[in-house]
Structure formats: structure tokens, C-alpha cells
Amino acid sequence: MTNDNNVPTQEQINASMMAELARLKAENDALRARVPASKTDGGFKVTDKGAISFYHGSRFPVTLYLSQWEKLIASIPRLQGFIEQHRDKLAVKPTKVKDEAVQDDVQVA
């Protein structure tokens, strides 16, 4: 139904907006399904430039070249000691909890 000026009614606008919202949610779900699990659960990938990217659930991966990874791996005992020595000063990033009833991308504190 439209009014005399062929302008959509509020009900038509609402229905159209709800249909578009449903379409966008479906598109978002499809895009999320295309992200390989390795990019969200601690997987690795060799980049086009020959580096190694570690995907750990954050927005950006940690990407280093082989020699950098080898240096990092060799320094793990020192890193562990450093962490233990400074544990009381270190912050722990909270994990994200998704509350789909509120919104998909909102972090619940």
C-alpha cells in the first residue's frame, strides 16, 4: 500500500528494513563461515612474501620471517622467566564473550 503520492507507508518501510536486515545477517554469517578456522584458533599460514603468520583470534596475526621465529623460539626460556618475574605487573586481555541476543560484535564485560 502506498499513499496518494506513491510514497511507501511506514509499514512498507519497516518491512523493507527488516528484510534488508535479514539479508545482511545472512550475508554476514556466510562471510564468517568462509574464514578458515586456522585464522581464529591459533593456526599458521605462509604469506605471499614467505613469512609465517600466526592467527590467534585477534584482529591481526603475528607475522614474522623464519629467522625471527627462530630467535623468538630460542628466547622462550628467557621470556618465561621475564613473565614470571613481572607477572604482578602484566595485564591479561579478557577473552571476548559473544552475546548474540544483544549483538554479534559486542564484547560483553
Protein backbone atom coordinates (compact mmCIF):
# COMPACT_ATOMS: atom_id res chain seq x y z
CA MET A 1 0.00 0.00 0.00
CA THR A 2 1.15 3.48 -0.76
CA ASN A 3 -0.46 6.79 -0.12
CA ASP A 4 -1.83 9.04 -2.89
CA ASN A 5 1.68 10.31 -3.80
CA ASN A 6 3.11 6.79 -4.36
CA VAL A 7 5.16 7.20 -1.18
CA PRO A 8 5.64 3.95 0.76
CA THR A 9 3.78 3.63 4.02
CA GLN A 10 5.60 3.27 7.32
CA GLU A 11 4.65 -0.42 7.39
CA GLN A 12 6.22 -0.94 3.96
CA ILE A 13 9.37 0.88 5.03
CA ASN A 14 9.58 -1.23 8.20
CA ALA A 15 9.04 -4.46 6.26
CA SER A 16 11.69 -3.46 3.75
CA MET A 17 14.16 -2.60 6.50
CA MET A 18 13.53 -5.92 8.27
CA ALA A 19 14.03 -7.81 5.00
CA GLU A 20 17.31 -5.95 4.39
CA LEU A 21 18.44 -6.66 7.95
CA ALA A 22 17.73 -10.37 7.48
CA ARG A 23 19.63 -10.34 4.17
CA LEU A 24 22.63 -8.61 5.73
CA LYS A 25 22.69 -11.02 8.68
CA ALA A 26 22.64 -13.98 6.28
CA GLU A 27 25.45 -12.40 4.24
CA ASN A 28 27.45 -11.76 7.43
CA ASP A 29 27.01 -15.37 8.55
CA ALA A 30 28.12 -16.61 5.13
CA LEU A 31 31.23 -14.42 5.23
CA ARG A 32 32.11 -15.58 8.73
CA ALA A 33 31.73 -19.19 7.65
CA ARG A 34 34.30 -18.60 4.89
CA VAL A 35 37.04 -17.61 7.38
CA PRO A 36 39.24 -20.66 7.84
CA ALA A 37 39.34 -21.98 11.39
CA SER A 38 43.13 -21.62 11.33
CA LYS A 39 42.69 -17.87 11.29
CA THR A 40 40.80 -17.86 14.57
CA ASP A 41 42.17 -20.76 16.59
CA GLY A 42 45.94 -20.47 16.58
CA GLY A 43 46.68 -21.61 13.05
CA PHE A 44 49.63 -20.72 10.83
CA LYS A 45 49.93 -19.57 7.25
CA VAL A 46 52.85 -18.88 4.91
CA THR A 47 52.38 -15.42 3.43
CA ASP A 48 53.00 -14.43 -0.19
CA LYS A 49 56.33 -12.91 0.90
CA GLY A 50 57.44 -16.10 2.65
CA ALA A 51 56.79 -15.06 6.24
CA ILE A 52 54.81 -17.08 8.77
CA SER A 53 51.59 -15.60 10.15
CA PHE A 54 50.17 -16.88 13.43
CA TYR A 55 46.44 -16.34 13.76
CA HIS A 56 45.42 -16.16 17.39
CA GLY A 57 41.90 -14.76 17.42
CA SER A 58 42.86 -11.09 17.38
CA ARG A 59 42.20 -8.68 14.57
CA PHE A 60 45.67 -9.03 13.08
CA PRO A 61 48.02 -12.03 13.01
CA VAL A 62 51.57 -12.05 14.34
CA THR A 63 53.74 -12.25 11.21
CA LEU A 64 57.48 -12.90 11.32
CA TYR A 65 60.09 -14.26 8.94
CA LEU A 66 61.73 -17.62 9.66
CA SER A 67 64.85 -16.14 11.28
CA GLN A 68 62.65 -14.00 13.55
CA TRP A 69 60.57 -17.04 14.59
CA GLU A 70 63.77 -18.98 15.30
CA LYS A 71 65.09 -16.16 17.51
CA LEU A 72 61.77 -15.96 19.32
CA ILE A 73 61.64 -19.73 19.87
CA ALA A 74 65.22 -19.72 21.18
CA SER A 75 64.35 -16.96 23.64
CA ILE A 76 61.29 -18.72 25.11
CA PRO A 77 63.06 -19.74 28.36
CA ARG A 78 64.14 -16.10 28.90
CA LEU A 79 60.63 -14.91 28.03
CA GLN A 80 59.09 -17.34 30.52
CA GLY A 81 61.46 -16.10 33.23
CA PHE A 82 60.64 -12.50 32.38
CA ILE A 83 56.93 -13.23 32.60
CA GLU A 84 57.31 -14.90 35.99
CA GLN A 85 59.45 -12.03 37.26
CA HIS A 86 56.91 -9.38 36.16
CA ARG A 87 53.64 -11.32 36.43
CA ASP A 88 52.21 -8.89 39.01
CA LYS A 89 52.62 -6.00 36.53
CA LEU A 90 51.26 -7.76 33.45
CA ALA A 91 47.73 -7.30 32.19
CA VAL A 92 45.67 -10.20 30.91
CA LYS A 93 43.45 -9.41 27.97
CA PRO A 94 39.94 -10.71 28.66
CA THR A 95 38.50 -13.13 26.16
CA LYS A 96 35.56 -11.99 24.10
CA VAL A 97 32.19 -13.42 25.00
CA LYS A 98 29.58 -13.19 22.29
CA ASP A 99 26.03 -12.48 23.35
CA GLU A 100 24.02 -12.98 20.18
CA ALA A 101 20.87 -11.81 21.92
CA VAL A 102 22.42 -8.35 22.18
CA GLN A 103 24.56 -8.08 19.05
CA ASP A 104 27.09 -10.30 17.27
CA ASP A 105 30.08 -7.95 17.53
CA VAL A 106 29.57 -6.52 21.03
CA GLN A 107 32.01 -7.55 23.73
CA VAL A 108 30.20 -8.35 26.95
CA ALA A 109 32.14 -7.23 30.02
